[in-house]
All heavy atoms as atom14 arrays in JSON, in Angstrom:
{
  "sequence": "VIALMDDEATLKRYYPEPEKDRVRLHPENEKLEDIFVKDCIIQ",
  "atom14_mask": [
    [1, 1, 1, 1, 1, 1, 1, 0, 0, 0, 0, 0, 0, 0],
    [1, 1, 1, 1, 1, 1, 1, 1, 0, 0, 0, 0, 0, 0],
    [1, 1, 1, 1, 1, 0, 0, 0, 0, 0, 0, 0, 0, 0],
    [1, 1, 1, 1, 1, 1, 1, 1, 0, 0, 0, 0, 0, 0],
    [1, 1, 1, 1, 1, 1, 1, 1, 0, 0, 0, 0, 0, 0],
    [1, 1, 1, 1, 1, 1, 1, 1, 0, 0, 0, 0, 0, 0],
    [1, 1, 1, 1, 1, 1, 1, 1, 0, 0, 0, 0, 0, 0],
    [1, 1, 1, 1, 1, 1, 1, 1, 1, 0, 0, 0, 0, 0],
    [1, 1, 1, 1, 1, 0, 0, 0, 0, 0, 0, 0, 0, 0],
    [1, 1, 1, 1, 1, 1, 1, 0, 0, 0, 0, 0, 0, 0],
    [1, 1, 1, 1, 1, 1, 1, 1, 0, 0, 0, 0, 0, 0],
    [1, 1, 1, 1, 1, 1, 1, 1, 1, 0, 0, 0, 0, 0],
    [1, 1, 1, 1, 1, 1, 1, 1, 1, 1, 1, 0, 0, 0],
    [1, 1, 1, 1, 1, 1, 1, 1, 1, 1, 1, 1, 0, 0],
    [1, 1, 1, 1, 1, 1, 1, 1, 1, 1, 1, 1, 0, 0],
    [1, 1, 1, 1, 1, 1, 1, 0, 0, 0, 0, 0, 0, 0],
    [1, 1, 1, 1, 1, 1, 1, 1, 1, 0, 0, 0, 0, 0],
    [1, 1, 1, 1, 1, 1, 1, 0, 0, 0, 0, 0, 0, 0],
    [1, 1, 1, 1, 1, 1, 1, 1, 1, 0, 0, 0, 0, 0],
    [1, 1, 1, 1, 1, 1, 1, 1, 1, 0, 0, 0, 0, 0],
    [1, 1, 1, 1, 1, 1, 1, 1, 0, 0, 0, 0, 0, 0],
    [1, 1, 1, 1, 1, 1, 1, 1, 1, 1, 1, 0, 0, 0],
    [1, 1, 1, 1, 1, 1, 1, 0, 0, 0, 0, 0, 0, 0],
    [1, 1, 1, 1, 1, 1, 1, 1, 1, 1, 1, 0, 0, 0],
    [1, 1, 1, 1, 1, 1, 1, 1, 0, 0, 0, 0, 0, 0],
    [1, 1, 1, 1, 1, 1, 1, 1, 1, 1, 0, 0, 0, 0],
    [1, 1, 1, 1, 1, 1, 1, 0, 0, 0, 0, 0, 0, 0],
    [1, 1, 1, 1, 1, 1, 1, 1, 1, 0, 0, 0, 0, 0],
    [1, 1, 1, 1, 1, 1, 1, 1, 0, 0, 0, 0, 0, 0],
    [1, 1, 1, 1, 1, 1, 1, 1, 1, 0, 0, 0, 0, 0],
    [1, 1, 1, 1, 1, 1, 1, 1, 1, 0, 0, 0, 0, 0],
    [1, 1, 1, 1, 1, 1, 1, 1, 0, 0, 0, 0, 0, 0],
    [1, 1, 1, 1, 1, 1, 1, 1, 1, 0, 0, 0, 0, 0],
    [1, 1, 1, 1, 1, 1, 1, 1, 0, 0, 0, 0, 0, 0],
    [1, 1, 1, 1, 1, 1, 1, 1, 0, 0, 0, 0, 0, 0],
    [1, 1, 1, 1, 1, 1, 1, 1, 1, 1, 1, 0, 0, 0],
    [1, 1, 1, 1, 1, 1, 1, 0, 0, 0, 0, 0, 0, 0],
    [1, 1, 1, 1, 1, 1, 1, 1, 1, 0, 0, 0, 0, 0],
    [1, 1, 1, 1, 1, 1, 1, 1, 0, 0, 0, 0, 0, 0],
    [1, 1, 1, 1, 1, 1, 0, 0, 0, 0, 0, 0, 0, 0],
    [1, 1, 1, 1, 1, 1, 1, 1, 0, 0, 0, 0, 0, 0],
    [1, 1, 1, 1, 1, 1, 1, 1, 0, 0, 0, 0, 0, 0],
    [1, 1, 1, 1, 1, 1, 1, 1, 1, 0, 0, 0, 0, 0]
  ],
  "atom14_positions": [
    [[107.61, 110.32, 108.13], [106.36, 111.04, 108.58], [105.65, 110.22, 109.62], [105.82, 108.95, 109.7], [105.42, 111.34, 107.42], [106.18, 112.14, 106.34], [104.84, 110.09, 106.82], [0.0, 0.0, 0.0], [0.0, 0.0, 0.0], [0.0, 0.0, 0.0], [0.0, 0.0, 0.0], [0.0, 0.0, 0.0], [0.0, 0.0, 0.0], [0.0, 0.0, 0.0]],
    [[104.77, 110.84, 110.36], [103.75, 110.24, 111.13], [102.56, 110.25, 110.2], [101.94, 111.3, 109.85], [103.46, 110.96, 112.48], [104.67, 110.89, 113.33], [102.22, 110.39, 113.1], [104.97, 109.52, 113.84], [0.0, 0.0, 0.0], [0.0, 0.0, 0.0], [0.0, 0.0, 0.0], [0.0, 0.0, 0.0], [0.0, 0.0, 0.0], [0.0, 0.0, 0.0]],
    [[102.09, 109.09, 109.79], [100.98, 108.89, 108.92], [99.78, 108.3, 109.61], [99.95, 107.23, 110.26], [101.28, 108.1, 107.64], [0.0, 0.0, 0.0], [0.0, 0.0, 0.0], [0.0, 0.0, 0.0], [0.0, 0.0, 0.0], [0.0, 0.0, 0.0], [0.0, 0.0, 0.0], [0.0, 0.0, 0.0], [0.0, 0.0, 0.0], [0.0, 0.0, 0.0]],
    [[98.63, 108.94, 109.49], [97.47, 108.47, 110.21], [96.49, 107.87, 109.13], [96.19, 108.46, 108.13], [96.75, 109.6, 110.98], [95.47, 109.26, 111.76], [95.81, 108.27, 112.94], [94.8, 110.49, 112.24], [0.0, 0.0, 0.0], [0.0, 0.0, 0.0], [0.0, 0.0, 0.0], [0.0, 0.0, 0.0], [0.0, 0.0, 0.0], [0.0, 0.0, 0.0]],
    [[96.01, 106.6, 109.38], [95.13, 105.96, 108.49], [94.14, 105.12, 109.28], [94.56, 104.24, 110.03], [95.94, 105.11, 107.48], [97.0, 104.29, 108.1], [98.11, 103.61, 106.91], [99.2, 102.68, 108.07], [0.0, 0.0, 0.0], [0.0, 0.0, 0.0], [0.0, 0.0, 0.0], [0.0, 0.0, 0.0], [0.0, 0.0, 0.0], [0.0, 0.0, 0.0]],
    [[92.87, 105.38, 109.11], [91.82, 104.69, 109.83], [92.16, 104.55, 111.33], [92.08, 103.56, 111.98], [91.68, 103.27, 109.26], [91.28, 103.2, 107.81], [90.5, 104.11, 107.42], [91.71, 102.33, 107.04], [0.0, 0.0, 0.0], [0.0, 0.0, 0.0], [0.0, 0.0, 0.0], [0.0, 0.0, 0.0], [0.0, 0.0, 0.0], [0.0, 0.0, 0.0]],
    [[92.47, 105.75, 111.92], [92.75, 105.8, 113.36], [94.01, 105.04, 113.79], [94.12, 104.72, 114.97], [91.52, 105.38, 114.19], [90.45, 106.49, 114.13], [90.76, 107.63, 113.82], [89.23, 106.11, 114.36], [0.0, 0.0, 0.0], [0.0, 0.0, 0.0], [0.0, 0.0, 0.0], [0.0, 0.0, 0.0], [0.0, 0.0, 0.0], [0.0, 0.0, 0.0]],
    [[94.84, 104.66, 112.84], [96.1, 104.01, 113.18], [97.23, 104.89, 112.66], [97.12, 105.44, 111.59], [96.18, 102.64, 112.57], [95.13, 101.67, 113.08], [95.32, 100.31, 112.37], [95.83, 100.23, 111.27], [94.93, 99.3, 112.96], [0.0, 0.0, 0.0], [0.0, 0.0, 0.0], [0.0, 0.0, 0.0], [0.0, 0.0, 0.0], [0.0, 0.0, 0.0]],
    [[98.17, 105.08, 113.48], [99.35, 105.93, 113.13], [100.61, 105.11, 113.03], [100.82, 104.19, 113.83], [99.48, 107.05, 114.11], [0.0, 0.0, 0.0], [0.0, 0.0, 0.0], [0.0, 0.0, 0.0], [0.0, 0.0, 0.0], [0.0, 0.0, 0.0], [0.0, 0.0, 0.0], [0.0, 0.0, 0.0], [0.0, 0.0, 0.0], [0.0, 0.0, 0.0]],
    [[101.51, 105.49, 112.13], [102.73, 104.77, 111.97], [103.82, 105.74, 111.5], [103.56, 106.76, 110.87], [102.58, 103.61, 110.97], [103.81, 102.81, 110.96], [102.32, 104.08, 109.54], [0.0, 0.0, 0.0], [0.0, 0.0, 0.0], [0.0, 0.0, 0.0], [0.0, 0.0, 0.0], [0.0, 0.0, 0.0], [0.0, 0.0, 0.0], [0.0, 0.0, 0.0]],
    [[105.05, 105.37, 111.81], [106.19, 106.15, 111.44], [106.9, 105.5, 110.23], [107.4, 104.42, 110.41], [107.15, 106.29, 112.62], [108.44, 107.16, 112.47], [108.04, 108.62, 112.42], [109.36, 106.88, 113.66], [0.0, 0.0, 0.0], [0.0, 0.0, 0.0], [0.0, 0.0, 0.0], [0.0, 0.0, 0.0], [0.0, 0.0, 0.0], [0.0, 0.0, 0.0]],
    [[106.85, 106.12, 109.1], [107.46, 105.54, 107.92], [107.96, 106.6, 106.94], [107.63, 107.75, 107.04], [106.34, 104.7, 107.13], [105.82, 103.46, 107.92], [106.79, 102.39, 108.06], [106.21, 101.13, 108.7], [105.94, 101.35, 110.18], [0.0, 0.0, 0.0], [0.0, 0.0, 0.0], [0.0, 0.0, 0.0], [0.0, 0.0, 0.0], [0.0, 0.0, 0.0]],
    [[108.7, 106.17, 105.96], [109.02, 107.07, 104.85], [107.84, 107.19, 103.88], [107.13, 106.18, 103.62], [110.23, 106.54, 104.04], [111.51, 106.76, 104.71], [112.71, 106.79, 103.75], [113.96, 106.89, 104.47], [114.52, 107.97, 104.91], [113.89, 109.14, 104.66], [115.71, 107.99, 105.51], [0.0, 0.0, 0.0], [0.0, 0.0, 0.0], [0.0, 0.0, 0.0]],
    [[107.63, 108.35, 103.41], [106.42, 108.69, 102.7], [106.69, 108.81, 101.14], [107.61, 109.59, 100.74], [105.93, 110.03, 103.18], [104.78, 110.68, 102.42], [103.54, 110.2, 102.48], [105.05, 111.86, 101.65], [102.48, 110.78, 101.79], [104.02, 112.45, 100.94], [102.72, 111.91, 101.0], [101.68, 112.49, 100.35], [0.0, 0.0, 0.0], [0.0, 0.0, 0.0]],
    [[106.03, 108.03, 100.38], [106.14, 108.0, 98.91], [104.76, 108.09, 98.27], [104.2, 107.04, 98.12], [106.96, 106.83, 98.41], [108.42, 106.78, 98.87], [108.82, 105.98, 99.96], [109.36, 107.56, 98.16], [110.15, 105.94, 100.34], [110.67, 107.5, 98.57], [111.04, 106.76, 99.65], [112.37, 106.71, 100.04], [0.0, 0.0, 0.0], [0.0, 0.0, 0.0]],
    [[104.36, 109.23, 97.84], [103.07, 109.33, 97.2], [103.2, 108.7, 95.78], [104.23, 108.89, 95.11], [102.74, 110.79, 97.09], [104.14, 111.51, 97.23], [104.92, 110.58, 98.04], [0.0, 0.0, 0.0], [0.0, 0.0, 0.0], [0.0, 0.0, 0.0], [0.0, 0.0, 0.0], [0.0, 0.0, 0.0], [0.0, 0.0, 0.0], [0.0, 0.0, 0.0]],
    [[102.17, 107.92, 95.31], [102.22, 107.34, 94.01], [100.88, 107.67, 93.3], [99.96, 106.88, 93.19], [102.41, 105.83, 94.1], [103.74, 105.43, 94.75], [103.94, 103.9, 94.75], [102.95, 103.13, 94.54], [105.09, 103.49, 95.0], [0.0, 0.0, 0.0], [0.0, 0.0, 0.0], [0.0, 0.0, 0.0], [0.0, 0.0, 0.0], [0.0, 0.0, 0.0]],
    [[100.8, 108.99, 92.89], [99.49, 109.42, 92.31], [99.09, 108.68, 91.05], [97.92, 108.56, 90.8], [99.75, 110.95, 92.01], [101.26, 111.06, 91.99], [101.78, 110.05, 92.92], [0.0, 0.0, 0.0], [0.0, 0.0, 0.0], [0.0, 0.0, 0.0], [0.0, 0.0, 0.0], [0.0, 0.0, 0.0], [0.0, 0.0, 0.0], [0.0, 0.0, 0.0]],
    [[100.05, 108.14, 90.26], [99.72, 107.43, 89.13], [99.0, 106.13, 89.44], [98.24, 105.6, 88.54], [100.99, 107.15, 88.25], [101.93, 106.13, 88.86], [102.81, 106.69, 89.99], [102.7, 107.91, 90.29], [103.6, 105.89, 90.52], [0.0, 0.0, 0.0], [0.0, 0.0, 0.0], [0.0, 0.0, 0.0], [0.0, 0.0, 0.0], [0.0, 0.0, 0.0]],
    [[99.15, 105.66, 90.61], [98.51, 104.43, 91.05], [97.41, 104.72, 92.1], [96.85, 103.78, 92.68], [99.51, 103.43, 91.62], [100.55, 102.93, 90.68], [101.57, 101.96, 91.27], [102.55, 101.48, 90.27], [103.52, 100.54, 90.87], [0.0, 0.0, 0.0], [0.0, 0.0, 0.0], [0.0, 0.0, 0.0], [0.0, 0.0, 0.0], [0.0, 0.0, 0.0]],
    [[97.18, 106.02, 92.31], [96.16, 106.43, 93.27], [96.34, 105.82, 94.61], [95.39, 105.26, 95.23], [94.75, 106.1, 92.69], [93.68, 106.85, 93.48], [93.9, 107.89, 93.96], [92.54, 106.28, 93.54], [0.0, 0.0, 0.0], [0.0, 0.0, 0.0], [0.0, 0.0, 0.0], [0.0, 0.0, 0.0], [0.0, 0.0, 0.0], [0.0, 0.0, 0.0]],
    [[97.6, 105.93, 95.13], [97.9, 105.37, 96.48], [99.14, 106.09, 97.03], [99.81, 106.77, 96.35], [98.09, 103.85, 96.35], [99.41, 103.51, 95.61], [99.57, 101.99, 95.41], [100.85, 101.64, 94.88], [101.17, 100.36, 94.56], [100.34, 99.42, 94.76], [102.37, 100.11, 94.06], [0.0, 0.0, 0.0], [0.0, 0.0, 0.0], [0.0, 0.0, 0.0]],
    [[99.43, 105.73, 98.3], [100.56, 106.22, 99.0], [101.34, 104.96, 99.45], [100.75, 104.03, 99.98], [100.21, 107.09, 100.18], [101.42, 107.44, 101.02], [99.52, 108.39, 99.75], [0.0, 0.0, 0.0], [0.0, 0.0, 0.0], [0.0, 0.0, 0.0], [0.0, 0.0, 0.0], [0.0, 0.0, 0.0], [0.0, 0.0, 0.0], [0.0, 0.0, 0.0]],
    [[102.63, 105.01, 99.29], [103.49, 103.9, 99.77], [104.23, 104.37, 100.96], [104.92, 105.36, 101.0], [104.49, 103.52, 98.7], [105.48, 102.37, 99.12], [106.2, 101.78, 97.9], [107.04, 102.79, 97.24], [108.33, 102.99, 97.5], [108.97, 102.28, 98.43], [109.0, 103.9, 96.81], [0.0, 0.0, 0.0], [0.0, 0.0, 0.0], [0.0, 0.0, 0.0]],
    [[104.1, 103.64, 102.05], [104.7, 103.86, 103.37], [105.84, 102.87, 103.5], [105.56, 101.66, 103.64], [103.74, 103.86, 104.47], [102.63, 104.91, 104.38], [101.6, 104.69, 105.51], [103.17, 106.35, 104.43], [0.0, 0.0, 0.0], [0.0, 0.0, 0.0], [0.0, 0.0, 0.0], [0.0, 0.0, 0.0], [0.0, 0.0, 0.0], [0.0, 0.0, 0.0]],
    [[107.08, 103.32, 103.54], [108.24, 102.43, 103.41], [108.92, 102.3, 104.76], [109.43, 103.24, 105.4], [109.24, 102.96, 102.39], [110.48, 102.14, 102.32], [110.51, 100.88, 101.78], [111.72, 102.49, 102.62], [111.77, 100.39, 101.82], [112.51, 101.37, 102.39], [0.0, 0.0, 0.0], [0.0, 0.0, 0.0], [0.0, 0.0, 0.0], [0.0, 0.0, 0.0]],
    [[109.06, 101.05, 105.32], [109.81, 100.85, 106.55], [111.27, 100.73, 106.21], [111.64, 100.25, 105.18], [109.28, 99.48, 107.04], [108.84, 98.72, 105.79], [108.41, 99.8, 104.85], [0.0, 0.0, 0.0], [0.0, 0.0, 0.0], [0.0, 0.0, 0.0], [0.0, 0.0, 0.0], [0.0, 0.0, 0.0], [0.0, 0.0, 0.0], [0.0, 0.0, 0.0]],
    [[112.07, 101.22, 107.17], [113.57, 101.08, 106.97], [114.03, 99.83, 107.71], [114.81, 99.84, 108.65], [114.29, 102.32, 107.52], [114.07, 103.58, 106.65], [114.8, 103.53, 105.36], [115.68, 102.66, 105.19], [114.51, 104.35, 104.46], [0.0, 0.0, 0.0], [0.0, 0.0, 0.0], [0.0, 0.0, 0.0], [0.0, 0.0, 0.0], [0.0, 0.0, 0.0]],
    [[113.56, 98.71, 107.23], [113.92, 97.35, 107.73], [113.67, 96.36, 106.61], [112.52, 96.17, 106.23], [113.08, 97.03, 109.0], [113.48, 95.73, 109.63], [113.98, 94.8, 108.94], [113.29, 95.58, 110.93], [0.0, 0.0, 0.0], [0.0, 0.0, 0.0], [0.0, 0.0, 0.0], [0.0, 0.0, 0.0], [0.0, 0.0, 0.0], [0.0, 0.0, 0.0]],
    [[114.78, 95.74, 106.1], [114.65, 94.92, 104.98], [113.79, 93.68, 105.22], [113.38, 93.06, 104.16], [116.05, 94.46, 104.51], [116.86, 93.74, 105.53], [118.21, 93.4, 105.13], [118.7, 93.95, 104.11], [118.88, 92.54, 105.77], [0.0, 0.0, 0.0], [0.0, 0.0, 0.0], [0.0, 0.0, 0.0], [0.0, 0.0, 0.0], [0.0, 0.0, 0.0]],
    [[113.47, 93.38, 106.38], [112.6, 92.2, 106.7], [111.17, 92.52, 106.53], [110.29, 91.6, 106.6], [112.89, 91.73, 108.11], [114.3, 91.2, 108.34], [114.5, 90.74, 109.78], [115.93, 90.24, 109.97], [116.08, 89.74, 111.43], [0.0, 0.0, 0.0], [0.0, 0.0, 0.0], [0.0, 0.0, 0.0], [0.0, 0.0, 0.0], [0.0, 0.0, 0.0]],
    [[110.8, 93.8, 106.42], [109.41, 94.16, 106.38], [109.06, 94.77, 105.02], [109.9, 95.3, 104.31], [109.1, 95.28, 107.43], [109.38, 94.85, 108.91], [109.15, 96.04, 109.85], [108.53, 93.69, 109.28], [0.0, 0.0, 0.0], [0.0, 0.0, 0.0], [0.0, 0.0, 0.0], [0.0, 0.0, 0.0], [0.0, 0.0, 0.0], [0.0, 0.0, 0.0]],
    [[107.77, 94.66, 104.67], [107.31, 95.08, 103.37], [106.69, 96.46, 103.43], [106.21, 96.93, 104.49], [106.27, 94.06, 102.84], [106.91, 92.67, 102.56], [105.86, 91.73, 101.98], [104.66, 92.12, 101.92], [106.28, 90.63, 101.57], [0.0, 0.0, 0.0], [0.0, 0.0, 0.0], [0.0, 0.0, 0.0], [0.0, 0.0, 0.0], [0.0, 0.0, 0.0]],
    [[106.56, 97.1, 102.32], [105.94, 98.39, 102.19], [104.47, 98.26, 102.55], [103.85, 97.21, 102.37], [106.05, 98.98, 100.86], [107.5, 99.42, 100.52], [108.3, 99.55, 101.5], [107.82, 99.65, 99.36], [0.0, 0.0, 0.0], [0.0, 0.0, 0.0], [0.0, 0.0, 0.0], [0.0, 0.0, 0.0], [0.0, 0.0, 0.0], [0.0, 0.0, 0.0]],
    [[103.89, 99.34, 103.07], [102.44, 99.45, 103.29], [101.83, 100.38, 102.23], [102.38, 101.49, 101.94], [102.14, 100.04, 104.71], [102.78, 99.12, 105.79], [100.67, 100.22, 104.92], [102.72, 99.73, 107.19], [0.0, 0.0, 0.0], [0.0, 0.0, 0.0], [0.0, 0.0, 0.0], [0.0, 0.0, 0.0], [0.0, 0.0, 0.0], [0.0, 0.0, 0.0]],
    [[100.8, 99.89, 101.59], [100.12, 100.68, 100.56], [98.8, 101.08, 101.06], [98.0, 100.26, 101.52], [99.99, 99.9, 99.27], [101.34, 99.5, 98.69], [101.92, 98.32, 98.89], [102.02, 100.44, 97.87], [103.12, 97.92, 98.35], [103.28, 100.13, 97.32], [103.81, 98.91, 97.57], [0.0, 0.0, 0.0], [0.0, 0.0, 0.0], [0.0, 0.0, 0.0]],
    [[98.45, 102.41, 100.97], [97.17, 102.87, 101.37], [96.63, 103.82, 100.32], [97.42, 104.43, 99.55], [97.18, 103.61, 102.75], [97.56, 102.67, 103.84], [98.2, 104.78, 102.67], [0.0, 0.0, 0.0], [0.0, 0.0, 0.0], [0.0, 0.0, 0.0], [0.0, 0.0, 0.0], [0.0, 0.0, 0.0], [0.0, 0.0, 0.0], [0.0, 0.0, 0.0]],
    [[95.31, 103.87, 100.19], [94.72, 104.78, 99.22], [94.96, 106.25, 99.58], [95.2, 107.07, 98.75], [93.24, 104.54, 99.04], [92.54, 105.39, 97.94], [91.14, 104.91, 97.79], [90.44, 105.76, 96.76], [91.08, 105.66, 95.4], [0.0, 0.0, 0.0], [0.0, 0.0, 0.0], [0.0, 0.0, 0.0], [0.0, 0.0, 0.0], [0.0, 0.0, 0.0]],
    [[94.91, 106.48, 100.89], [95.2, 107.88, 101.33], [95.59, 107.79, 102.82], [95.33, 106.81, 103.54], [93.91, 108.71, 101.18], [94.22, 110.2, 101.28], [95.43, 110.57, 101.25], [93.3, 111.01, 101.46], [0.0, 0.0, 0.0], [0.0, 0.0, 0.0], [0.0, 0.0, 0.0], [0.0, 0.0, 0.0], [0.0, 0.0, 0.0], [0.0, 0.0, 0.0]],
    [[96.22, 108.84, 103.28], [96.62, 108.92, 104.71], [96.71, 110.39, 105.06], [96.82, 111.27, 104.24], [97.89, 108.16, 104.96], [99.31, 108.84, 104.17], [0.0, 0.0, 0.0], [0.0, 0.0, 0.0], [0.0, 0.0, 0.0], [0.0, 0.0, 0.0], [0.0, 0.0, 0.0], [0.0, 0.0, 0.0], [0.0, 0.0, 0.0], [0.0, 0.0, 0.0]],
    [[96.65, 110.66, 106.32], [96.76, 112.05, 106.82], [98.14, 112.22, 107.44], [98.61, 111.45, 108.32], [95.7, 112.3, 107.92], [94.31, 112.19, 107.28], [95.91, 113.71, 108.47], [93.15, 112.3, 108.29], [0.0, 0.0, 0.0], [0.0, 0.0, 0.0], [0.0, 0.0, 0.0], [0.0, 0.0, 0.0], [0.0, 0.0, 0.0], [0.0, 0.0, 0.0]],
    [[98.92, 113.22, 106.94], [100.2, 113.49, 107.46], [100.03, 114.31, 108.75], [99.37, 115.37, 108.69], [101.08, 114.22, 106.45], [101.2, 113.38, 105.15], [102.49, 114.55, 107.03], [101.83, 112.07, 105.37], [0.0, 0.0, 0.0], [0.0, 0.0, 0.0], [0.0, 0.0, 0.0], [0.0, 0.0, 0.0], [0.0, 0.0, 0.0], [0.0, 0.0, 0.0]],
    [[100.6, 113.82, 109.86], [100.49, 114.6, 111.1], [101.79, 115.37, 111.42], [101.76, 116.27, 112.24], [100.13, 113.66, 112.26], [98.8, 112.96, 112.09], [98.4, 112.18, 113.35], [99.16, 111.35, 113.78], [97.26, 112.43, 113.87], [0.0, 0.0, 0.0], [0.0, 0.0, 0.0], [0.0, 0.0, 0.0], [0.0, 0.0, 0.0], [0.0, 0.0, 0.0]]
  ]
}
């Protein structure tokens, strides 16, 4: 997805984690770590 958060947009795999009240944005590069946000807007 294209996810918008705080006026910043990124292209990542989208994994909602409602039990943790957050969204995990996963990069497809083993050298990089997941991004965790409380919420984001799917564009």
